[in-house]
Amino acid sequence: MADDLPLVRTFESSAVRRVHYHPDEEMLDIWYAGGDRYSYFGVPEEVYRALLDAESAGQFVNFEIKPNYRYELEPGRRRFRPD
């Protein structure tokens, strides 16, 4: 990974507030405007770089990250559906 890559970034976005990339684990944490934090697994550095360069962080996440990477809601905020 390049030393100039920011690991934490905030956004002026209606959907995405902040991201934190963990390069050794290829894990991307995303904090959404609603307050939830999701962790996405197996996200390569190239995808993270593309997110940083995207015109719309929210659209990039919706079309390039959500459908392609396994994710988990922050453990303390898990939601359960009634049976």
N, C-alpha and C. Protein backbone atom coordinates (compact mmCIF):
# COMPACT_ATOMS: atom_id res chain seq x y z
N MET A 1 0.84 -1.18 0.00
CA MET A 1 0.00 0.00 0.00
C MET A 1 0.88 1.23 0.00
N ALA A 2 0.47 2.22 -0.73
CA ALA A 2 1.21 3.47 -0.80
C ALA A 2 1.08 4.25 0.50
N ASP A 3 2.17 4.89 0.90
CA ASP A 3 2.16 5.66 2.15
C ASP A 3 1.26 6.88 2.08
N ASP A 4 0.95 7.35 0.88
CA ASP A 4 0.14 8.56 0.74
C ASP A 4 -1.36 8.30 0.79
N LEU A 5 -1.77 7.06 0.97
CA LEU A 5 -3.18 6.72 0.99
C LEU A 5 -3.77 7.03 2.36
N PRO A 6 -4.77 7.92 2.42
CA PRO A 6 -5.41 8.20 3.71
C PRO A 6 -6.25 7.01 4.16
N LEU A 7 -6.08 6.60 5.41
CA LEU A 7 -6.82 5.46 5.91
C LEU A 7 -8.19 5.85 6.45
N VAL A 8 -8.33 7.11 6.85
CA VAL A 8 -9.61 7.62 7.35
C VAL A 8 -9.99 8.83 6.52
N ARG A 9 -11.25 8.89 6.14
CA ARG A 9 -11.70 10.02 5.32
C ARG A 9 -13.13 10.35 5.67
N THR A 10 -13.44 11.63 5.77
CA THR A 10 -14.82 12.07 5.95
C THR A 10 -15.33 12.58 4.61
N PHE A 11 -16.65 12.56 4.46
CA PHE A 11 -17.27 12.96 3.20
C PHE A 11 -18.34 14.00 3.43
N GLU A 12 -18.52 14.87 2.45
CA GLU A 12 -19.67 15.77 2.38
C GLU A 12 -20.70 15.05 1.52
N SER A 13 -21.40 14.12 2.13
CA SER A 13 -22.31 13.25 1.39
C SER A 13 -23.61 13.12 2.18
N SER A 14 -24.70 12.95 1.49
CA SER A 14 -25.97 12.74 2.19
C SER A 14 -26.10 11.31 2.70
N ALA A 15 -25.23 10.41 2.25
CA ALA A 15 -25.33 9.00 2.65
C ALA A 15 -24.15 8.54 3.50
N VAL A 16 -22.94 8.89 3.09
CA VAL A 16 -21.73 8.38 3.74
C VAL A 16 -21.07 9.51 4.54
N ARG A 17 -20.83 9.24 5.81
CA ARG A 17 -20.20 10.24 6.67
C ARG A 17 -18.69 10.06 6.77
N ARG A 18 -18.25 8.80 6.98
CA ARG A 18 -16.83 8.56 7.20
C ARG A 18 -16.48 7.15 6.79
N VAL A 19 -15.24 6.95 6.37
CA VAL A 19 -14.74 5.61 6.08
C VAL A 19 -13.40 5.42 6.76
N HIS A 20 -13.09 4.17 7.07
CA HIS A 20 -11.79 3.80 7.63
C HIS A 20 -11.38 2.51 6.96
N TYR A 21 -10.23 2.54 6.28
CA TYR A 21 -9.75 1.37 5.56
C TYR A 21 -8.64 0.70 6.35
N HIS A 22 -8.72 -0.63 6.46
CA HIS A 22 -7.73 -1.45 7.15
C HIS A 22 -7.02 -2.28 6.07
N PRO A 23 -5.90 -1.80 5.54
CA PRO A 23 -5.28 -2.45 4.39
C PRO A 23 -4.79 -3.87 4.65
N ASP A 24 -4.28 -4.17 5.84
CA ASP A 24 -3.78 -5.52 6.09
C ASP A 24 -4.88 -6.56 6.06
N GLU A 25 -6.10 -6.15 6.40
CA GLU A 25 -7.23 -7.07 6.43
C GLU A 25 -8.15 -6.88 5.23
N GLU A 26 -7.88 -5.86 4.42
CA GLU A 26 -8.76 -5.49 3.31
C GLU A 26 -10.19 -5.30 3.82
N MET A 27 -10.31 -4.58 4.93
CA MET A 27 -11.61 -4.32 5.54
C MET A 27 -11.89 -2.82 5.47
N LEU A 28 -13.12 -2.49 5.11
CA LEU A 28 -13.54 -1.10 4.99
C LEU A 28 -14.72 -0.85 5.92
N ASP A 29 -14.54 0.05 6.87
CA ASP A 29 -15.63 0.46 7.75
C ASP A 29 -16.26 1.71 7.16
N ILE A 30 -17.59 1.71 7.08
CA ILE A 30 -18.32 2.86 6.56
C ILE A 30 -19.36 3.28 7.59
N TRP A 31 -19.31 4.56 7.96
CA TRP A 31 -20.32 5.15 8.83
C TRP A 31 -21.31 5.89 7.94
N TYR A 32 -22.57 5.53 8.06
CA TYR A 32 -23.61 6.14 7.24
C TYR A 32 -24.25 7.32 7.96
N ALA A 33 -24.94 8.16 7.20
CA ALA A 33 -25.58 9.35 7.74
C ALA A 33 -26.58 9.02 8.85
N GLY A 34 -27.20 7.87 8.77
CA GLY A 34 -28.16 7.46 9.78
C GLY A 34 -27.52 7.00 11.08
N GLY A 35 -26.19 6.89 11.10
CA GLY A 35 -25.49 6.52 12.32
C GLY A 35 -24.95 5.10 12.35
N ASP A 36 -25.41 4.24 11.45
CA ASP A 36 -24.93 2.86 11.45
C ASP A 36 -23.51 2.77 10.88
N ARG A 37 -22.76 1.80 11.41
CA ARG A 37 -21.44 1.49 10.84
C ARG A 37 -21.46 0.06 10.33
N TYR A 38 -21.06 -0.09 9.08
CA TYR A 38 -20.94 -1.41 8.48
C TYR A 38 -19.47 -1.67 8.17
N SER A 39 -19.06 -2.92 8.33
CA SER A 39 -17.72 -3.36 7.94
C SER A 39 -17.86 -4.23 6.70
N TYR A 40 -17.10 -3.93 5.68
CA TYR A 40 -17.10 -4.68 4.42
C TYR A 40 -15.77 -5.41 4.32
N PHE A 41 -15.81 -6.69 3.95
CA PHE A 41 -14.63 -7.55 3.98
C PHE A 41 -14.14 -7.90 2.58
N GLY A 42 -12.82 -8.00 2.43
CA GLY A 42 -12.22 -8.37 1.16
C GLY A 42 -12.18 -7.25 0.15
N VAL A 43 -12.23 -6.00 0.62
CA VAL A 43 -12.22 -4.84 -0.28
C VAL A 43 -10.77 -4.50 -0.63
N PRO A 44 -10.39 -4.65 -1.89
CA PRO A 44 -9.01 -4.36 -2.28
C PRO A 44 -8.72 -2.85 -2.27
N GLU A 45 -7.45 -2.54 -2.18
CA GLU A 45 -7.02 -1.14 -2.14
C GLU A 45 -7.52 -0.36 -3.36
N GLU A 46 -7.55 -0.99 -4.53
CA GLU A 46 -7.99 -0.28 -5.73
C GLU A 46 -9.43 0.20 -5.61
N VAL A 47 -10.28 -0.61 -4.97
CA VAL A 47 -11.68 -0.24 -4.79
C VAL A 47 -11.77 0.92 -3.80
N TYR A 48 -10.98 0.85 -2.74
CA TYR A 48 -10.97 1.94 -1.76
C TYR A 48 -10.50 3.24 -2.42
N ARG A 49 -9.46 3.17 -3.24
CA ARG A 49 -8.98 4.36 -3.95
C ARG A 49 -10.07 4.93 -4.86
N ALA A 50 -10.79 4.04 -5.53
CA ALA A 50 -11.87 4.48 -6.42
C ALA A 50 -12.97 5.17 -5.62
N LEU A 51 -13.27 4.68 -4.43
CA LEU A 51 -14.25 5.33 -3.57
C LEU A 51 -13.80 6.74 -3.22
N LEU A 52 -12.54 6.90 -2.87
CA LEU A 52 -12.02 8.22 -2.52
C LEU A 52 -12.11 9.20 -3.69
N ASP A 53 -12.01 8.69 -4.91
CA ASP A 53 -12.04 9.53 -6.11
C ASP A 53 -13.44 9.68 -6.71
N ALA A 54 -14.41 8.96 -6.17
CA ALA A 54 -15.75 8.94 -6.76
C ALA A 54 -16.43 10.31 -6.65
N GLU A 55 -17.19 10.64 -7.67
CA GLU A 55 -17.96 11.87 -7.67
C GLU A 55 -19.04 11.83 -6.59
N SER A 56 -19.62 10.65 -6.39
CA SER A 56 -20.65 10.45 -5.35
C SER A 56 -20.28 9.22 -4.53
N ALA A 57 -19.92 9.44 -3.27
CA ALA A 57 -19.56 8.32 -2.40
C ALA A 57 -20.74 7.37 -2.22
N GLY A 58 -21.93 7.92 -2.03
CA GLY A 58 -23.12 7.09 -1.83
C GLY A 58 -23.41 6.20 -3.01
N GLN A 59 -23.35 6.74 -4.21
CA GLN A 59 -23.61 5.93 -5.41
C GLN A 59 -22.53 4.87 -5.58
N PHE A 60 -21.28 5.23 -5.32
CA PHE A 60 -20.20 4.26 -5.46
C PHE A 60 -20.42 3.10 -4.49
N VAL A 61 -20.74 3.41 -3.26
CA VAL A 61 -20.99 2.35 -2.27
C VAL A 61 -22.15 1.48 -2.71
N ASN A 62 -23.24 2.08 -3.17
CA ASN A 62 -24.42 1.32 -3.57
C ASN A 62 -24.18 0.40 -4.76
N PHE A 63 -23.37 0.85 -5.72
CA PHE A 63 -23.19 0.07 -6.95
C PHE A 63 -21.92 -0.78 -6.98
N GLU A 64 -20.90 -0.39 -6.23
CA GLU A 64 -19.62 -1.10 -6.32
C GLU A 64 -19.23 -1.87 -5.06
N ILE A 65 -19.71 -1.45 -3.91
CA ILE A 65 -19.29 -2.10 -2.66
C ILE A 65 -20.38 -3.00 -2.10
N LYS A 66 -21.56 -2.46 -1.87
CA LYS A 66 -22.63 -3.26 -1.25
C LYS A 66 -22.91 -4.58 -1.98
N PRO A 67 -23.04 -4.58 -3.31
CA PRO A 67 -23.39 -5.85 -3.96
C PRO A 67 -22.23 -6.82 -4.13
N ASN A 68 -21.01 -6.38 -3.85
CA ASN A 68 -19.84 -7.21 -4.18
C ASN A 68 -19.03 -7.71 -2.99
N TYR A 69 -19.30 -7.23 -1.80
CA TYR A 69 -18.47 -7.60 -0.65
C TYR A 69 -19.34 -7.99 0.53
N ARG A 70 -18.87 -9.01 1.24
CA ARG A 70 -19.55 -9.45 2.45
C ARG A 70 -19.47 -8.33 3.48
N TYR A 71 -20.53 -8.17 4.26
CA TYR A 71 -20.55 -7.08 5.23
C TYR A 71 -21.21 -7.52 6.52
N GLU A 72 -20.99 -6.70 7.54
CA GLU A 72 -21.58 -6.94 8.85
C GLU A 72 -21.89 -5.60 9.49
N LEU A 73 -23.07 -5.51 10.07
CA LEU A 73 -23.43 -4.32 10.83
C LEU A 73 -22.62 -4.32 12.11
N GLU A 74 -22.22 -3.14 12.56
CA GLU A 74 -21.47 -3.00 13.80
C GLU A 74 -22.09 -3.90 14.87
N PRO A 75 -21.30 -4.77 15.49
CA PRO A 75 -21.86 -5.77 16.40
C PRO A 75 -22.78 -5.21 17.48
N GLY A 76 -22.49 -4.08 18.04
CA GLY A 76 -23.32 -3.52 19.09
C GLY A 76 -24.64 -2.97 18.60
N ARG A 77 -24.81 -2.89 17.29
CA ARG A 77 -26.03 -2.30 16.72
C ARG A 77 -26.78 -3.27 15.83
N ARG A 78 -26.55 -4.55 15.98
CA ARG A 78 -27.22 -5.52 15.13
C ARG A 78 -28.72 -5.42 15.27
N ARG A 79 -29.38 -5.61 14.17
CA ARG A 79 -30.84 -5.59 14.15
C ARG A 79 -31.33 -7.00 13.94
N PHE A 80 -32.38 -7.35 14.64
CA PHE A 80 -32.96 -8.67 14.50
C PHE A 80 -34.39 -8.55 14.05
N ARG A 81 -34.76 -9.40 13.13
CA ARG A 81 -36.14 -9.43 12.67
C ARG A 81 -36.93 -10.35 13.57
N PRO A 82 -38.16 -9.99 13.86
CA PRO A 82 -38.98 -10.90 14.67
C PRO A 82 -39.28 -12.18 13.89
N ASP A 83 -39.40 -13.25 14.61
CA ASP A 83 -39.72 -14.55 13.96
C ASP A 83 -41.17 -14.62 13.56
